[in-house]
C-alpha atoms as a PDB file:
ATOM      1  CA  MET A   1     -36.099  20.186  -6.100  1.00  0.00           C
ATOM      2  CA  THR A   2     -36.047  20.449  -2.320  1.00  0.00           C
ATOM      3  CA  ASP A   3     -32.882  20.786  -0.295  1.00  0.00           C
ATOM      4  CA  SER A   4     -33.080  17.088   0.537  1.00  0.00           C
ATOM      5  CA  SER A   5     -33.835  15.593  -2.882  1.00  0.00           C
ATOM      6  CA  LEU A   6     -32.328  15.243  -6.336  1.00  0.00           C
ATOM      7  CA  ASP A   7     -34.030  15.844  -9.673  1.00  0.00           C
ATOM      8  CA  THR A   8     -33.580  15.541 -13.430  1.00  0.00           C
ATOM      9  CA  ALA A   9     -31.064  18.379 -13.473  1.00  0.00           C
ATOM     10  CA  TRP A  10     -28.883  16.335 -11.104  1.00  0.00           C
ATOM     11  CA  ALA A  11     -29.167  13.235 -13.286  1.00  0.00           C
ATOM     12  CA  VAL A  12     -28.204  15.197 -16.388  1.00  0.00           C
ATOM     13  CA  ASP A  13     -25.343  16.915 -14.565  1.00  0.00           C
ATOM     14  CA  TRP A  14     -24.112  13.502 -13.376  1.00  0.00           C
ATOM     15  CA  LEU A  15     -23.930  12.236 -16.947  1.00  0.00           C
ATOM     16  CA  ARG A  16     -22.207  15.406 -18.162  1.00  0.00           C
ATOM     17  CA  ARG A  17     -19.650  15.210 -15.364  1.00  0.00           C
ATOM     18  CA  SER A  18     -19.168  11.507 -16.090  1.00  0.00           C
ATOM     19  CA  ALA A  19     -18.458  12.299 -19.733  1.00  0.00           C
ATOM     20  CA  ALA A  20     -15.920  14.894 -18.675  1.00  0.00           C
ATOM     21  CA  VAL A  21     -14.074  12.665 -16.213  1.00  0.00           C
ATOM     22  CA  VAL A  22     -14.048   9.733 -18.640  1.00  0.00           C
ATOM     23  CA  SER A  23     -12.654  11.987 -21.371  1.00  0.00           C
ATOM     24  CA  GLU A  24     -10.042  13.398 -19.012  1.00  0.00           C
ATOM     25  CA  ASN A  25      -8.980   9.914 -17.881  1.00  0.00           C
ATOM     26  CA  ARG A  26      -9.372   8.176 -21.232  1.00  0.00           C
ATOM     27  CA  MET A  27      -5.684   7.346 -21.586  1.00  0.00           C
ATOM     28  CA  ALA A  28      -5.336   6.307 -17.945  1.00  0.00           C
ATOM     29  CA  LEU A  29      -8.212   3.856 -18.354  1.00  0.00           C
ATOM     30  CA  ILE A  30      -6.714   2.578 -21.604  1.00  0.00           C
ATOM     31  CA  GLU A  31      -3.413   1.948 -19.822  1.00  0.00           C
ATOM     32  CA  LEU A  32      -5.122   0.119 -16.958  1.00  0.00           C
ATOM     33  CA  ASP A  33      -7.010  -2.054 -19.426  1.00  0.00           C
ATOM     34  CA  ARG A  34      -3.937  -2.603 -21.582  1.00  0.00           C
ATOM     35  CA  ALA A  35      -2.192  -4.183 -18.590  1.00  0.00           C
ATOM     36  CA  ILE A  36      -4.846  -6.845 -17.928  1.00  0.00           C
ATOM     37  CA  GLY A  37      -7.479  -6.613 -20.665  1.00  0.00           C
ATOM     38  CA  ASP A  38      -8.131  -5.563 -24.241  1.00  0.00           C
ATOM     39  CA  GLY A  39      -6.910  -1.998 -23.816  1.00  0.00           C
ATOM     40  CA  ASP A  40     -10.161  -0.497 -25.077  1.00  0.00           C
ATOM     41  CA  HIS A  41     -12.007   0.441 -21.880  1.00  0.00           C
ATOM     42  CA  GLY A  42     -11.150   4.142 -21.943  1.00  0.00           C
ATOM     43  CA  GLU A  43     -11.809   4.495 -25.656  1.00  0.00           C
ATOM     44  CA  ASN A  44     -15.127   2.673 -25.479  1.00  0.00           C
ATOM     45  CA  LEU A  45     -16.420   4.609 -22.488  1.00  0.00           C
ATOM     46  CA  ASP A  46     -15.346   7.931 -23.964  1.00  0.00           C
ATOM     47  CA  ARG A  47     -17.209   7.141 -27.179  1.00  0.00           C
ATOM     48  CA  GLY A  48     -20.297   6.109 -25.238  1.00  0.00           C
ATOM     49  CA  PHE A  49     -20.464   9.136 -22.976  1.00  0.00           C
ATOM     50  CA  SER A  50     -19.766  11.488 -25.880  1.00  0.00           C
ATOM     51  CA  ALA A  51     -22.808   9.977 -27.589  1.00  0.00           C
ATOM     52  CA  ILE A  52     -24.814  10.489 -24.397  1.00  0.00           C
ATOM     53  CA  LEU A  53     -23.952  14.198 -24.469  1.00  0.00           C
ATOM     54  CA  GLU A  54     -25.284  14.458 -28.020  1.00  0.00           C
ATOM     55  CA  LYS A  55     -28.518  12.739 -26.964  1.00  0.00           C
ATOM     56  CA  LEU A  56     -28.957  15.007 -23.952  1.00  0.00           C
ATOM     57  CA  ASP A  57     -28.609  18.051 -26.189  1.00  0.00           C
ATOM     58  CA  SER A  58     -31.134  16.812 -28.733  1.00  0.00           C
ATOM     59  CA  GLU A  59     -33.592  14.931 -26.464  1.00  0.00           C
ATOM     60  CA  PRO A  60     -33.719  16.615 -23.027  1.00  0.00           C
ATOM     61  CA  PRO A  61     -35.231  14.054 -20.614  1.00  0.00           C
ATOM     62  CA  LEU A  62     -38.100  14.915 -18.283  1.00  0.00           C
ATOM     63  CA  THR A  63     -37.381  12.644 -15.302  1.00  0.00           C
ATOM     64  CA  PRO A  64     -34.321  11.085 -13.656  1.00  0.00           C
ATOM     65  CA  ALA A  65     -35.480   7.673 -14.876  1.00  0.00           C
ATOM     66  CA  ALA A  66     -35.767   8.921 -18.465  1.00  0.00           C
ATOM     67  CA  THR A  67     -32.265  10.365 -18.151  1.00  0.00           C
ATOM     68  CA  PHE A  68     -30.782   7.071 -17.070  1.00  0.00           C
ATOM     69  CA  LYS A  69     -32.701   5.078 -19.667  1.00  0.00           C
ATOM     70  CA  LEU A  70     -31.414   7.431 -22.375  1.00  0.00           C
ATOM     71  CA  ALA A  71     -27.883   6.772 -21.105  1.00  0.00           C
ATOM     72  CA  ALA A  72     -28.514   3.033 -21.003  1.00  0.00           C
ATOM     73  CA  MET A  73     -29.804   2.774 -24.559  1.00  0.00           C
ATOM     74  CA  THR A  74     -26.973   4.930 -25.868  1.00  0.00           C
ATOM     75  CA  LEU A  75     -24.254   2.937 -24.140  1.00  0.00           C
ATOM     76  CA  MET A  76     -25.713  -0.376 -25.253  1.00  0.00           C
ATOM     77  CA  SER A  77     -25.869   0.758 -28.875  1.00  0.00           C
ATOM     78  CA  LYS A  78     -22.586   2.684 -29.091  1.00  0.00           C
ATOM     79  CA  VAL A  79     -20.106   0.878 -26.832  1.00  0.00           C
ATOM     80  CA  GLY A  80     -18.375  -2.382 -27.657  1.00  0.00           C
ATOM     81  CA  GLY A  81     -16.757  -4.852 -25.316  1.00  0.00           C
ATOM     82  CA  ALA A  82     -18.096  -5.449 -21.819  1.00  0.00           C
ATOM     83  CA  ALA A  83     -18.447  -1.803 -20.810  1.00  0.00           C
ATOM     84  CA  GLY A  84     -21.523  -1.000 -22.911  1.00  0.00           C
ATOM     85  CA  PRO A  85     -23.719  -3.879 -21.758  1.00  0.00           C
ATOM     86  CA  LEU A  86     -22.603  -3.597 -18.127  1.00  0.00           C
ATOM     87  CA  TYR A  87     -22.932   0.163 -17.710  1.00  0.00           C
ATOM     88  CA  GLY A  88     -26.012   0.162 -19.901  1.00  0.00           C
ATOM     89  CA  THR A  89     -27.657  -2.438 -17.680  1.00  0.00           C
ATOM     90  CA  ALA A  90     -26.668  -0.478 -14.575  1.00  0.00           C
ATOM     91  CA  PHE A  91     -28.291   2.731 -15.804  1.00  0.00           C
ATOM     92  CA  LEU A  92     -31.340   0.881 -17.124  1.00  0.00           C
ATOM     93  CA  ARG A  93     -31.976  -0.880 -13.816  1.00  0.00           C
ATOM     94  CA  MET A  94     -31.431   2.365 -11.921  1.00  0.00           C
ATOM     95  CA  GLY A  95     -33.965   4.148 -14.077  1.00  0.00           C
ATOM     96  CA  THR A  96     -36.479   1.346 -13.660  1.00  0.00           C
ATOM     97  CA  ALA A  97     -36.076   1.457  -9.881  1.00  0.00           C
ATOM     98  CA  MET A  98     -36.741   5.210  -9.825  1.00  0.00           C
ATOM     99  CA  GLY A  99     -39.945   4.893 -11.820  1.00  0.00           C
ATOM    100  CA  GLU A 100     -41.817   8.133 -12.516  1.00  0.00           C
ATOM    101  CA  ALA A 101     -40.366  10.030  -9.550  1.00  0.00           C
ATOM    102  CA  VAL A 102     -39.347  13.601 -10.315  1.00  0.00           C
ATOM    103  CA  GLU A 103     -37.576  14.016  -6.978  1.00  0.00           C
ATOM    104  CA  ILE A 104     -35.168  11.403  -5.619  1.00  0.00           C
ATOM    105  CA  ASP A 105     -34.814  11.130  -1.852  1.00  0.00           C
ATOM    106  CA  SER A 106     -32.111   9.205  -0.019  1.00  0.00           C
ATOM    107  CA  ALA A 107     -34.019   5.936   0.180  1.00  0.00           C
ATOM    108  CA  LEU A 108     -34.902   5.920  -3.529  1.00  0.00           C
ATOM    109  CA  LEU A 109     -31.350   6.917  -4.412  1.00  0.00           C
ATOM    110  CA  ALA A 110     -29.919   3.996  -2.433  1.00  0.00           C
ATOM    111  CA  ALA A 111     -32.451   1.671  -4.023  1.00  0.00           C
ATOM    112  CA  GLY A 112     -31.492   2.932  -7.469  1.00  0.00           C
ATOM    113  CA  LEU A 113     -27.805   2.357  -6.848  1.00  0.00           C
ATOM    114  CA  ALA A 114     -28.545  -1.133  -5.515  1.00  0.00           C
ATOM    115  CA  ALA A 115     -30.615  -1.921  -8.608  1.00  0.00           C
ATOM    116  CA  ALA A 116     -27.746  -0.729 -10.811  1.00  0.00           C
ATOM    117  CA  ARG A 117     -25.287  -2.984  -9.000  1.00  0.00           C
ATOM    118  CA  ASP A 118     -27.654  -5.934  -9.140  1.00  0.00           C
ATOM    119  CA  GLY A 119     -28.021  -5.410 -12.878  1.00  0.00           C
ATOM    120  CA  VAL A 120     -24.262  -5.557 -13.349  1.00  0.00           C
ATOM    121  CA  VAL A 121     -24.103  -8.737 -11.250  1.00  0.00           C
ATOM    122  CA  ALA A 122     -26.898 -10.330 -13.293  1.00  0.00           C
ATOM    123  CA  ARG A 123     -25.218  -9.387 -16.561  1.00  0.00           C
ATOM    124  CA  GLY A 124     -21.606 -10.158 -15.683  1.00  0.00           C
ATOM    125  CA  LYS A 125     -22.018 -12.917 -13.066  1.00  0.00           C
ATOM    126  CA  ALA A 126     -19.212 -11.397 -10.993  1.00  0.00           C
ATOM    127  CA  GLU A 127     -18.902 -11.271  -7.218  1.00  0.00           C
ATOM    128  CA  VAL A 128     -16.884  -9.162  -4.817  1.00  0.00           C
ATOM    129  CA  GLY A 129     -13.263 -10.287  -5.003  1.00  0.00           C
ATOM    130  CA  ASP A 130     -13.364 -11.227  -8.688  1.00  0.00           C
ATOM    131  CA  LYS A 131     -11.428  -8.045  -9.636  1.00  0.00           C
ATOM    132  CA  THR A 132     -14.235  -6.360 -11.575  1.00  0.00           C
ATOM    133  CA  MET A 133     -16.364  -3.230 -11.329  1.00  0.00           C
ATOM    134  CA  ILE A 134     -18.435  -5.047  -8.687  1.00  0.00           C
ATOM    135  CA  ASP A 135     -15.537  -4.497  -6.290  1.00  0.00           C
ATOM    136  CA  ALA A 136     -16.331  -0.770  -6.530  1.00  0.00           C
ATOM    137  CA  TRP A 137     -20.115  -0.986  -6.847  1.00  0.00           C
ATOM    138  CA  THR A 138     -20.871  -3.273  -3.918  1.00  0.00           C
ATOM    139  CA  PRO A 139     -19.088  -1.236  -1.242  1.00  0.00           C
ATOM    140  CA  ALA A 140     -20.654   1.867  -2.804  1.00  0.00           C
ATOM    141  CA  VAL A 141     -24.131   0.368  -2.483  1.00  0.00           C
ATOM    142  CA  ASP A 142     -23.479  -0.832   1.062  1.00  0.00           C
ATOM    143  CA  ALA A 143     -22.305   2.650   2.052  1.00  0.00           C
ATOM    144  CA  ALA A 144     -25.272   4.294   0.339  1.00  0.00           C
ATOM    145  CA  ILE A 145     -27.790   2.072   2.091  1.00  0.00           C
ATOM    146  CA  SER A 146     -26.126   2.595   5.472  1.00  0.00           C
ATOM    147  CA  ALA A 147     -26.098   6.358   4.981  1.00  0.00           C
ATOM    148  CA  ALA A 148     -29.720   6.456   3.822  1.00  0.00           C
ATOM    149  CA  ASP A 149     -30.836   4.271   6.722  1.00  0.00           C
ATOM    150  CA  ALA A 150     -29.064   6.659   9.091  1.00  0.00           C
ATOM    151  CA  GLY A 151     -31.045   9.587   7.727  1.00  0.00           C
ATOM    152  CA  ALA A 152     -28.310  11.158   5.594  1.00  0.00           C
ATOM    153  CA  SER A 153     -29.170  13.587   2.799  1.00  0.00           C
ATOM    154  CA  PRO A 154     -28.939  12.435  -0.820  1.00  0.00           C
ATOM    155  CA  ALA A 155     -25.717  14.433  -1.196  1.00  0.00           C
ATOM    156  CA  ALA A 156     -24.245  12.618   1.806  1.00  0.00           C
ATOM    157  CA  VAL A 157     -25.447   9.271   0.469  1.00  0.00           C
ATOM    158  CA  LEU A 158     -23.650   9.947  -2.810  1.00  0.00           C
ATOM    159  CA  ALA A 159     -20.506  11.116  -1.036  1.00  0.00           C
ATOM    160  CA  ALA A 160     -20.433   7.921   1.023  1.00  0.00           C
ATOM    161  CA  ALA A 161     -20.986   5.795  -2.072  1.00  0.00           C
ATOM    162  CA  ALA A 162     -18.231   7.562  -4.022  1.00  0.00           C
ATOM    163  CA  ALA A 163     -15.689   7.226  -1.213  1.00  0.00           C
ATOM    164  CA  ALA A 164     -16.481   3.526  -0.810  1.00  0.00           C
ATOM    165  CA  ALA A 165     -16.203   2.962  -4.566  1.00  0.00           C
ATOM    166  CA  GLU A 166     -12.799   4.635  -4.633  1.00  0.00           C
ATOM    167  CA  SER A 167     -11.571   2.426  -1.794  1.00  0.00           C
ATOM    168  CA  GLY A 168     -13.039  -0.608  -3.522  1.00  0.00           C
ATOM    169  CA  ALA A 169     -11.237   0.212  -6.762  1.00  0.00           C
ATOM    170  CA  VAL A 170      -7.903   0.523  -4.960  1.00  0.00           C
ATOM    171  CA  ALA A 171      -8.595  -2.789  -3.251  1.00  0.00           C
ATOM    172  CA  THR A 172      -8.608  -4.566  -6.628  1.00  0.00           C
ATOM    173  CA  ASP A 173      -4.858  -3.974  -7.003  1.00  0.00           C
ATOM    174  CA  PRO A 174      -3.719  -7.117  -5.120  1.00  0.00           C
ATOM    175  CA  LEU A 175      -6.495  -9.380  -6.408  1.00  0.00           C
ATOM    176  CA  ILE A 176      -6.300 -12.242  -8.897  1.00  0.00           C
ATOM    177  CA  ALA A 177      -8.967 -11.782 -11.564  1.00  0.00           C
ATOM    178  CA  HIS A 178     -11.699 -14.392 -11.925  1.00  0.00           C
ATOM    179  CA  LYS A 179     -13.715 -12.834 -14.748  1.00  0.00           C
ATOM    180  CA  GLY A 180     -13.000 -11.494 -18.211  1.00  0.00           C
ATOM    181  CA  ARG A 181      -9.746 -11.487 -20.132  1.00  0.00           C
ATOM    182  CA  ALA A 182      -7.811 -10.622 -16.982  1.00  0.00           C
ATOM    183  CA  SER A 183      -8.716 -14.030 -15.541  1.00  0.00           C
ATOM    184  CA  TYR A 184      -6.343 -15.665 -18.033  1.00  0.00           C
ATOM    185  CA  LEU A 185      -3.392 -13.862 -16.465  1.00  0.00           C
ATOM    186  CA  GLY A 186      -3.572 -15.578 -13.096  1.00  0.00           C
ATOM    187  CA  GLU A 187      -1.093 -14.068 -10.657  1.00  0.00           C
ATOM    188  CA  ARG A 188       0.208 -11.695 -13.345  1.00  0.00           C
ATOM    189  CA  ALA A 189      -2.919  -9.599 -12.768  1.00  0.00           C
ATOM    190  CA  ILE A 190      -1.787  -8.868  -9.214  1.00  0.00           C
ATOM    191  CA  GLY A 191      -0.662  -5.281  -8.782  1.00  0.00           C
ATOM    192  CA  HIS A 192      -2.917  -3.926 -11.525  1.00  0.00           C
ATOM    193  CA  ARG A 193      -6.131  -2.011 -10.802  1.00  0.00           C
ATOM    194  CA  ASP A 194      -9.257  -3.237 -12.503  1.00  0.00           C
ATOM    195  CA  PRO A 195     -10.237  -0.652 -15.133  1.00  0.00           C
ATOM    196  CA  GLY A 196     -13.966  -1.208 -14.639  1.00  0.00           C
ATOM    197  CA  ALA A 197     -13.654  -0.613 -10.911  1.00  0.00           C
ATOM    198  CA  ALA A 198     -11.576   2.492 -11.613  1.00  0.00           C
ATOM    199  CA  SER A 199     -14.114   3.950 -14.053  1.00  0.00           C
ATOM    200  CA  SER A 200     -16.983   3.058 -11.701  1.00  0.00           C
ATOM    201  CA  ALA A 201     -15.316   5.044  -8.930  1.00  0.00           C
ATOM    202  CA  MET A 202     -14.865   8.017 -11.273  1.00  0.00           C
ATOM    203  CA  ILE A 203     -18.488   7.911 -12.370  1.00  0.00           C
ATOM    204  CA  LEU A 204     -19.841   7.595  -8.832  1.00  0.00           C
ATOM    205  CA  ARG A 205     -17.646  10.507  -7.738  1.00  0.00           C
ATOM    206  CA  ALA A 206     -19.175  12.481 -10.611  1.00  0.00           C
ATOM    207  CA  ALA A 207     -22.627  11.644  -9.215  1.00  0.00           C
ATOM    208  CA  ALA A 208     -21.578  12.973  -5.815  1.00  0.00           C
ATOM    209  CA  GLN A 209     -20.152  16.173  -7.280  1.00  0.00           C
ATOM    210  CA  ALA A 210     -23.348  16.725  -9.270  1.00  0.00           C
ATOM    211  CA  GLY A 211     -25.297  16.212  -6.054  1.00  0.00           C
ATOM    212  CA  GLY A 212     -23.379  18.918  -4.256  1.00  0.00           C
ATOM    213  CA  ALA A 213     -20.759  16.861  -2.428  1.00  0.00           C
ATOM    214  CA  SER A 214     -17.224  18.219  -2.264  1.00  0.00           C
ATOM    215  CA  ALA A 215     -14.635  16.699  -4.601  1.00  0.00           C
END
């Protein structure tokens, strides 16, 4: 790996850090989801990422794309509810976008993140403002593309994406939900953060930390 690219070790580290942050925040995500959803988001994600860790230990991947496809297949097979299909699709599309590359530069990284977001949109049919994980992913992708276009390093691209995702997650607090179980609550969903946006921000921050960005 060069100073200005990311490799398989980064992808694996991202997933390991994601598993750790999901485990650490399992109850917080459950509480967020309990307020406006089924209450199972934290439990489901924790189960899925724990299974990913087992796969990484037994089937070490050779490329970033293989890493993300391993994550995708594991999440889709192990995680119930909406989280498995949505995150699984995100990682699958990201891996497909990265192809056989062994080193990921800023442009390919931004393209991978955009493909992940587009996969979630295709699967969940949500838009910005619907109070879903898209409210974290779309600003993250926009920030990543802007940073990459400006010549930023992959680490800086990830840092920009993570910061934008965190702001996007916070911005779901005052929204009325238009997708999922939360949509049945109407104005009662106001004041509650979307759990999918919250977990997306955590996972994208984990990507940035794996890439060398400060916490």
